[in-house]
Amino acid sequence: MYIIAGLGNPGKEYANTRHNTGFCSVERLADRFRISFDTKKFRALCGSGYIEGQKVLLLKPQTYMNLSGESIRAACDFYKIDPETELIVIYDDISLPPGQLRVRKKGSAGGHNGVKSIIAHLGTQTFLRVKVGVGAKPEGYDLADYVLGHFSKGEKEAMEEAYDRASQAAAALLSDDVEHVMNEYNRGV
């Protein structure tokens, strides 16, 4: 079994913000494989089903970004999964241009508070990630205001495609070699 978690913040005021890129991507995955977020468990909205022949739990933590690790750890413990091989996390990355993906097997939090929380709660930096570029913070902007802001009209098109590609990359990680998936999706847009 796998857990695929998309990071974001609950509430209408955060819908479609840069920080909710993970939510948007995991929702695309759910739509593609006809999985409904019909359960509230682990302080998250959850949906279970099958993707690429694998049983999966799709997870949208409702803890707010900075506490995402609480929800993800609870789900990992309940299902007794190995987060190093059976957890995929999709989230926004300000170091990548809007729409560019970066699939990784492990790494630091890179300043992302949601990922810091996951690392702290799991006790490891090794878990599969699909990072979705949202663009660098413009000079003079507050980082929190930037990631909680909405995409420009020009960025929206790139992001719509990125949500689809991120969901495809996550699905590919379930049935394909990680190195192959990285080679396929880590190209620029």
C-alpha atoms as a PDB file:
ATOM      1  CA  MET A   1       0.000   0.000   0.000  1.00  0.00           C
ATOM      2  CA  TYR A   2       1.088   3.550  -0.718  1.00  0.00           C
ATOM      3  CA  ILE A   3       0.137   6.918   0.726  1.00  0.00           C
ATOM      4  CA  ILE A   4       0.190   9.864  -1.670  1.00  0.00           C
ATOM      5  CA  ALA A   5      -0.093  13.132   0.239  1.00  0.00           C
ATOM      6  CA  GLY A   6      -0.667  16.506  -1.380  1.00  0.00           C
ATOM      7  CA  LEU A   7       0.274  19.428   0.848  1.00  0.00           C
ATOM      8  CA  GLY A   8      -1.791  22.566   1.252  1.00  0.00           C
ATOM      9  CA  ASN A   9      -3.955  24.598   3.579  1.00  0.00           C
ATOM     10  CA  PRO A  10      -7.671  23.969   4.161  1.00  0.00           C
ATOM     11  CA  GLY A  11     -10.248  26.678   3.565  1.00  0.00           C
ATOM     12  CA  LYS A  12     -11.610  28.632   0.628  1.00  0.00           C
ATOM     13  CA  GLU A  13      -9.245  31.544   1.226  1.00  0.00           C
ATOM     14  CA  TYR A  14      -6.289  29.264   0.371  1.00  0.00           C
ATOM     15  CA  ALA A  15      -7.810  27.527  -2.656  1.00  0.00           C
ATOM     16  CA  ASN A  16      -5.587  27.744  -5.743  1.00  0.00           C
ATOM     17  CA  THR A  17      -2.747  29.522  -3.951  1.00  0.00           C
ATOM     18  CA  ARG A  18       0.881  28.634  -4.583  1.00  0.00           C
ATOM     19  CA  HIS A  19       1.045  26.748  -1.274  1.00  0.00           C
ATOM     20  CA  ASN A  20      -1.918  24.552  -2.309  1.00  0.00           C
ATOM     21  CA  THR A  21      -0.163  23.116  -5.341  1.00  0.00           C
ATOM     22  CA  GLY A  22       0.004  19.718  -3.607  1.00  0.00           C
ATOM     23  CA  PHE A  23      -3.753  19.710  -2.981  1.00  0.00           C
ATOM     24  CA  CYS A  24      -4.447  20.615  -6.617  1.00  0.00           C
ATOM     25  CA  SER A  25      -2.136  17.881  -7.909  1.00  0.00           C
ATOM     26  CA  VAL A  26      -3.530  15.116  -5.695  1.00  0.00           C
ATOM     27  CA  GLU A  27      -7.065  16.178  -6.683  1.00  0.00           C
ATOM     28  CA  ARG A  28      -6.085  15.643 -10.340  1.00  0.00           C
ATOM     29  CA  LEU A  29      -4.843  12.185  -9.415  1.00  0.00           C
ATOM     30  CA  ALA A  30      -8.122  11.438  -7.647  1.00  0.00           C
ATOM     31  CA  ASP A  31     -10.140  12.602 -10.674  1.00  0.00           C
ATOM     32  CA  ARG A  32      -8.025  10.572 -13.076  1.00  0.00           C
ATOM     33  CA  PHE A  33      -8.470   7.345 -11.098  1.00  0.00           C
ATOM     34  CA  ARG A  34     -12.000   8.039  -9.858  1.00  0.00           C
ATOM     35  CA  ILE A  35     -11.089   8.226  -6.187  1.00  0.00           C
ATOM     36  CA  SER A  36     -13.281  10.331  -3.908  1.00  0.00           C
ATOM     37  CA  PHE A  37     -12.058  12.243  -0.887  1.00  0.00           C
ATOM     38  CA  ASP A  38     -14.944  10.843   1.123  1.00  0.00           C
ATOM     39  CA  THR A  39     -13.357  10.127   4.509  1.00  0.00           C
ATOM     40  CA  LYS A  40     -12.017  12.325   7.291  1.00  0.00           C
ATOM     41  CA  LYS A  41      -9.295  10.480   9.161  1.00  0.00           C
ATOM     42  CA  PHE A  42      -5.795  11.273  10.425  1.00  0.00           C
ATOM     43  CA  ARG A  43      -6.759  14.968  10.511  1.00  0.00           C
ATOM     44  CA  ALA A  44      -7.005  14.783   6.724  1.00  0.00           C
ATOM     45  CA  LEU A  45      -9.400  14.320   3.848  1.00  0.00           C
ATOM     46  CA  CYS A  46      -8.758  10.833   2.493  1.00  0.00           C
ATOM     47  CA  GLY A  47      -9.692   8.759  -0.493  1.00  0.00           C
ATOM     48  CA  SER A  48      -8.680   5.178  -1.162  1.00  0.00           C
ATOM     49  CA  GLY A  49      -8.551   3.156  -4.327  1.00  0.00           C
ATOM     50  CA  TYR A  50      -6.168   1.602  -6.818  1.00  0.00           C
ATOM     51  CA  ILE A  51      -3.622   3.282  -9.080  1.00  0.00           C
ATOM     52  CA  GLU A  52      -1.352   1.317 -11.411  1.00  0.00           C
ATOM     53  CA  GLY A  53      -2.486  -1.879  -9.652  1.00  0.00           C
ATOM     54  CA  GLN A  54      -1.442  -0.585  -6.218  1.00  0.00           C
ATOM     55  CA  LYS A  55      -3.750   0.115  -3.288  1.00  0.00           C
ATOM     56  CA  VAL A  56      -3.385   3.781  -2.364  1.00  0.00           C
ATOM     57  CA  LEU A  57      -4.589   6.261   0.200  1.00  0.00           C
ATOM     58  CA  LEU A  58      -4.745   9.815  -1.135  1.00  0.00           C
ATOM     59  CA  LEU A  59      -4.317  12.320   1.659  1.00  0.00           C
ATOM     60  CA  LYS A  60      -4.948  16.069   1.971  1.00  0.00           C
ATOM     61  CA  PRO A  61      -3.859  17.026   5.523  1.00  0.00           C
ATOM     62  CA  GLN A  62      -6.228  19.523   7.127  1.00  0.00           C
ATOM     63  CA  THR A  63      -3.705  20.552   9.798  1.00  0.00           C
ATOM     64  CA  TYR A  64      -2.478  23.592   7.863  1.00  0.00           C
ATOM     65  CA  MET A  65       0.849  23.358   6.089  1.00  0.00           C
ATOM     66  CA  ASN A  66       3.187  23.738   9.050  1.00  0.00           C
ATOM     67  CA  LEU A  67       1.725  20.696  10.846  1.00  0.00           C
ATOM     68  CA  SER A  68       1.441  18.359   7.837  1.00  0.00           C
ATOM     69  CA  GLY A  69       3.745  15.821   9.472  1.00  0.00           C
ATOM     70  CA  GLU A  70       1.211  15.088  12.227  1.00  0.00           C
ATOM     71  CA  SER A  71      -1.364  13.886   9.728  1.00  0.00           C
ATOM     72  CA  ILE A  72       1.077  11.989   7.524  1.00  0.00           C
ATOM     73  CA  ARG A  73       2.728  10.239  10.493  1.00  0.00           C
ATOM     74  CA  ALA A  74      -0.674   9.125  11.830  1.00  0.00           C
ATOM     75  CA  ALA A  75      -1.605   7.605   8.454  1.00  0.00           C
ATOM     76  CA  CYS A  76       1.785   5.906   8.049  1.00  0.00           C
ATOM     77  CA  ASP A  77       1.545   4.419  11.552  1.00  0.00           C
ATOM     78  CA  PHE A  78      -2.043   3.220  11.086  1.00  0.00           C
ATOM     79  CA  TYR A  79      -1.295   1.415   7.823  1.00  0.00           C
ATOM     80  CA  LYS A  80       2.193   0.336   8.966  1.00  0.00           C
ATOM     81  CA  ILE A  81       3.788   1.575   5.768  1.00  0.00           C
ATOM     82  CA  ASP A  82       7.481   2.283   5.328  1.00  0.00           C
ATOM     83  CA  PRO A  83       7.624   6.028   4.581  1.00  0.00           C
ATOM     84  CA  GLU A  84      10.987   5.603   2.866  1.00  0.00           C
ATOM     85  CA  THR A  85       9.461   3.424   0.135  1.00  0.00           C
ATOM     86  CA  GLU A  86       5.661   3.732   0.352  1.00  0.00           C
ATOM     87  CA  LEU A  87       5.034   7.461   0.850  1.00  0.00           C
ATOM     88  CA  ILE A  88       4.874  10.060  -1.935  1.00  0.00           C
ATOM     89  CA  VAL A  89       4.503  13.745  -1.042  1.00  0.00           C
ATOM     90  CA  ILE A  90       3.520  16.398  -3.608  1.00  0.00           C
ATOM     91  CA  TYR A  91       4.195  20.035  -2.732  1.00  0.00           C
ATOM     92  CA  ASP A  92       5.111  23.510  -3.997  1.00  0.00           C
ATOM     93  CA  ASP A  93       8.707  24.613  -4.532  1.00  0.00           C
ATOM     94  CA  ILE A  94       9.754  28.262  -4.899  1.00  0.00           C
ATOM     95  CA  SER A  95      13.190  27.315  -6.273  1.00  0.00           C
ATOM     96  CA  LEU A  96      11.659  25.990  -9.503  1.00  0.00           C
ATOM     97  CA  PRO A  97      10.002  28.041 -12.264  1.00  0.00           C
ATOM     98  CA  PRO A  98       6.192  27.854 -12.383  1.00  0.00           C
ATOM     99  CA  GLY A  99       5.121  24.456 -13.695  1.00  0.00           C
ATOM    100  CA  GLN A 100       8.509  22.723 -13.606  1.00  0.00           C
ATOM    101  CA  LEU A 101       8.654  19.406 -11.718  1.00  0.00           C
ATOM    102  CA  ARG A 102      11.404  17.806  -9.694  1.00  0.00           C
ATOM    103  CA  VAL A 103      11.017  14.193  -8.508  1.00  0.00           C
ATOM    104  CA  ARG A 104      13.335  13.211  -5.647  1.00  0.00           C
ATOM    105  CA  LYS A 105      13.929  10.158  -3.426  1.00  0.00           C
ATOM    106  CA  LYS A 106      15.123  12.181  -0.431  1.00  0.00           C
ATOM    107  CA  GLY A 107      16.473  15.523   0.656  1.00  0.00           C
ATOM    108  CA  SER A 108      16.258  18.358   3.132  1.00  0.00           C
ATOM    109  CA  ALA A 109      13.190  20.489   3.673  1.00  0.00           C
ATOM    110  CA  GLY A 110      14.770  23.301   1.662  1.00  0.00           C
ATOM    111  CA  GLY A 111      13.009  25.860   3.865  1.00  0.00           C
ATOM    112  CA  HIS A 112       9.538  24.375   3.252  1.00  0.00           C
ATOM    113  CA  ASN A 113       7.719  24.268   6.593  1.00  0.00           C
ATOM    114  CA  GLY A 114       5.356  21.468   5.579  1.00  0.00           C
ATOM    115  CA  VAL A 115       8.282  19.254   4.612  1.00  0.00           C
ATOM    116  CA  LYS A 116      10.138  20.244   7.824  1.00  0.00           C
ATOM    117  CA  SER A 117       7.129  18.981   9.776  1.00  0.00           C
ATOM    118  CA  ILE A 118       7.066  15.697   7.842  1.00  0.00           C
ATOM    119  CA  ILE A 119      10.792  15.111   8.391  1.00  0.00           C
ATOM    120  CA  ALA A 120      10.448  15.911  12.111  1.00  0.00           C
ATOM    121  CA  HIS A 121       7.493  13.543  12.586  1.00  0.00           C
ATOM    122  CA  LEU A 122       8.837  10.677  10.472  1.00  0.00           C
ATOM    123  CA  GLY A 123      12.435  10.992  11.673  1.00  0.00           C
ATOM    124  CA  THR A 124      13.773  10.644   8.120  1.00  0.00           C
ATOM    125  CA  GLN A 125      14.490  12.797   5.081  1.00  0.00           C
ATOM    126  CA  THR A 126      14.068   9.776   2.828  1.00  0.00           C
ATOM    127  CA  PHE A 127      10.642   9.692   1.178  1.00  0.00           C
ATOM    128  CA  LEU A 128       9.530  10.147  -2.422  1.00  0.00           C
ATOM    129  CA  ARG A 129       8.645  13.701  -3.418  1.00  0.00           C
ATOM    130  CA  VAL A 130       7.140  15.413  -6.399  1.00  0.00           C
ATOM    131  CA  LYS A 131       8.045  19.077  -6.143  1.00  0.00           C
ATOM    132  CA  VAL A 132       6.040  21.464  -8.303  1.00  0.00           C
ATOM    133  CA  GLY A 133       7.611  24.798  -9.164  1.00  0.00           C
ATOM    134  CA  VAL A 134       5.667  27.930  -8.270  1.00  0.00           C
ATOM    135  CA  GLY A 135       8.404  30.459  -9.070  1.00  0.00           C
ATOM    136  CA  ALA A 136      10.777  32.456  -6.921  1.00  0.00           C
ATOM    137  CA  LYS A 137       9.537  35.111  -4.547  1.00  0.00           C
ATOM    138  CA  PRO A 138       9.977  38.550  -6.107  1.00  0.00           C
ATOM    139  CA  GLU A 139      12.381  40.854  -4.317  1.00  0.00           C
ATOM    140  CA  GLY A 140      10.712  42.822  -1.565  1.00  0.00           C
ATOM    141  CA  TYR A 141       7.865  40.323  -1.105  1.00  0.00           C
ATOM    142  CA  ASP A 142       7.214  38.577   2.190  1.00  0.00           C
ATOM    143  CA  LEU A 143       7.622  34.812   1.649  1.00  0.00           C
ATOM    144  CA  ALA A 144       4.397  33.909   3.479  1.00  0.00           C
ATOM    145  CA  ASP A 145       2.416  36.462   1.468  1.00  0.00           C
ATOM    146  CA  TYR A 146       3.950  35.128  -1.747  1.00  0.00           C
ATOM    147  CA  VAL A 147       3.203  31.430  -1.194  1.00  0.00           C
ATOM    148  CA  LEU A 148      -0.278  32.228   0.087  1.00  0.00           C
ATOM    149  CA  GLY A 149      -0.902  34.368  -2.995  1.00  0.00           C
ATOM    150  CA  HIS A 150      -2.545  33.409  -6.263  1.00  0.00           C
ATOM    151  CA  PHE A 151      -0.900  32.774  -9.606  1.00  0.00           C
ATOM    152  CA  SER A 152      -0.856  35.441 -12.280  1.00  0.00           C
ATOM    153  CA  LYS A 153      -3.028  34.892 -15.322  1.00  0.00           C
ATOM    154  CA  GLY A 154       0.053  33.898 -17.309  1.00  0.00           C
ATOM    155  CA  GLU A 155       1.203  31.357 -14.706  1.00  0.00           C
ATOM    156  CA  LYS A 156      -2.184  29.656 -14.382  1.00  0.00           C
ATOM    157  CA  GLU A 157      -1.893  27.817 -17.707  1.00  0.00           C
ATOM    158  CA  ALA A 158       1.539  26.419 -16.823  1.00  0.00           C
ATOM    159  CA  MET A 159       0.228  25.356 -13.430  1.00  0.00           C
ATOM    160  CA  GLU A 160      -2.817  23.564 -14.840  1.00  0.00           C
ATOM    161  CA  GLU A 161      -0.460  21.454 -16.932  1.00  0.00           C
ATOM    162  CA  ALA A 162       1.886  21.013 -13.946  1.00  0.00           C
ATOM    163  CA  TYR A 163      -0.926  19.587 -11.778  1.00  0.00           C
ATOM    164  CA  ASP A 164      -1.585  16.967 -14.457  1.00  0.00           C
ATOM    165  CA  ARG A 165       2.114  16.142 -14.853  1.00  0.00           C
ATOM    166  CA  ALA A 166       2.642  15.963 -11.064  1.00  0.00           C
ATOM    167  CA  SER A 167      -0.263  13.531 -10.755  1.00  0.00           C
ATOM    168  CA  GLN A 168       1.175  11.467 -13.624  1.00  0.00           C
ATOM    169  CA  ALA A 169       4.609  11.432 -11.979  1.00  0.00           C
ATOM    170  CA  ALA A 170       3.135  10.266  -8.666  1.00  0.00           C
ATOM    171  CA  ALA A 171       1.236   7.471 -10.447  1.00  0.00           C
ATOM    172  CA  ALA A 172       4.381   6.465 -12.340  1.00  0.00           C
ATOM    173  CA  LEU A 173       6.301   6.127  -9.053  1.00  0.00           C
ATOM    174  CA  LEU A 174       3.917   3.317  -8.096  1.00  0.00           C
ATOM    175  CA  SER A 175       4.877   1.075 -10.986  1.00  0.00           C
ATOM    176  CA  ASP A 176       8.148   2.295 -12.462  1.00  0.00           C
ATOM    177  CA  ASP A 177      11.771   2.602 -11.390  1.00  0.00           C
ATOM    178  CA  VAL A 178      12.350   5.850  -9.487  1.00  0.00           C
ATOM    179  CA  GLU A 179      15.380   6.755 -11.609  1.00  0.00           C
ATOM    180  CA  HIS A 180      13.342   6.358 -14.792  1.00  0.00           C
ATOM    181  CA  VAL A 181      10.546   8.555 -13.399  1.00  0.00           C
ATOM    182  CA  MET A 182      13.109  11.188 -12.383  1.00  0.00           C
ATOM    183  CA  ASN A 183      14.618  11.179 -15.883  1.00  0.00           C
ATOM    184  CA  GLU A 184      11.164  11.481 -17.436  1.00  0.00           C
ATOM    185  CA  TYR A 185       9.773  14.301 -15.285  1.00  0.00           C
ATOM    186  CA  ASN A 186      12.803  16.314 -14.140  1.00  0.00           C
ATOM    187  CA  ARG A 187      13.141  18.120 -17.453  1.00  0.00           C
ATOM    188  CA  GLY A 188      12.435  21.821 -17.733  1.00  0.00           C
ATOM    189  CA  VAL A 189       9.118  23.083 -19.067  1.00  0.00           C
END
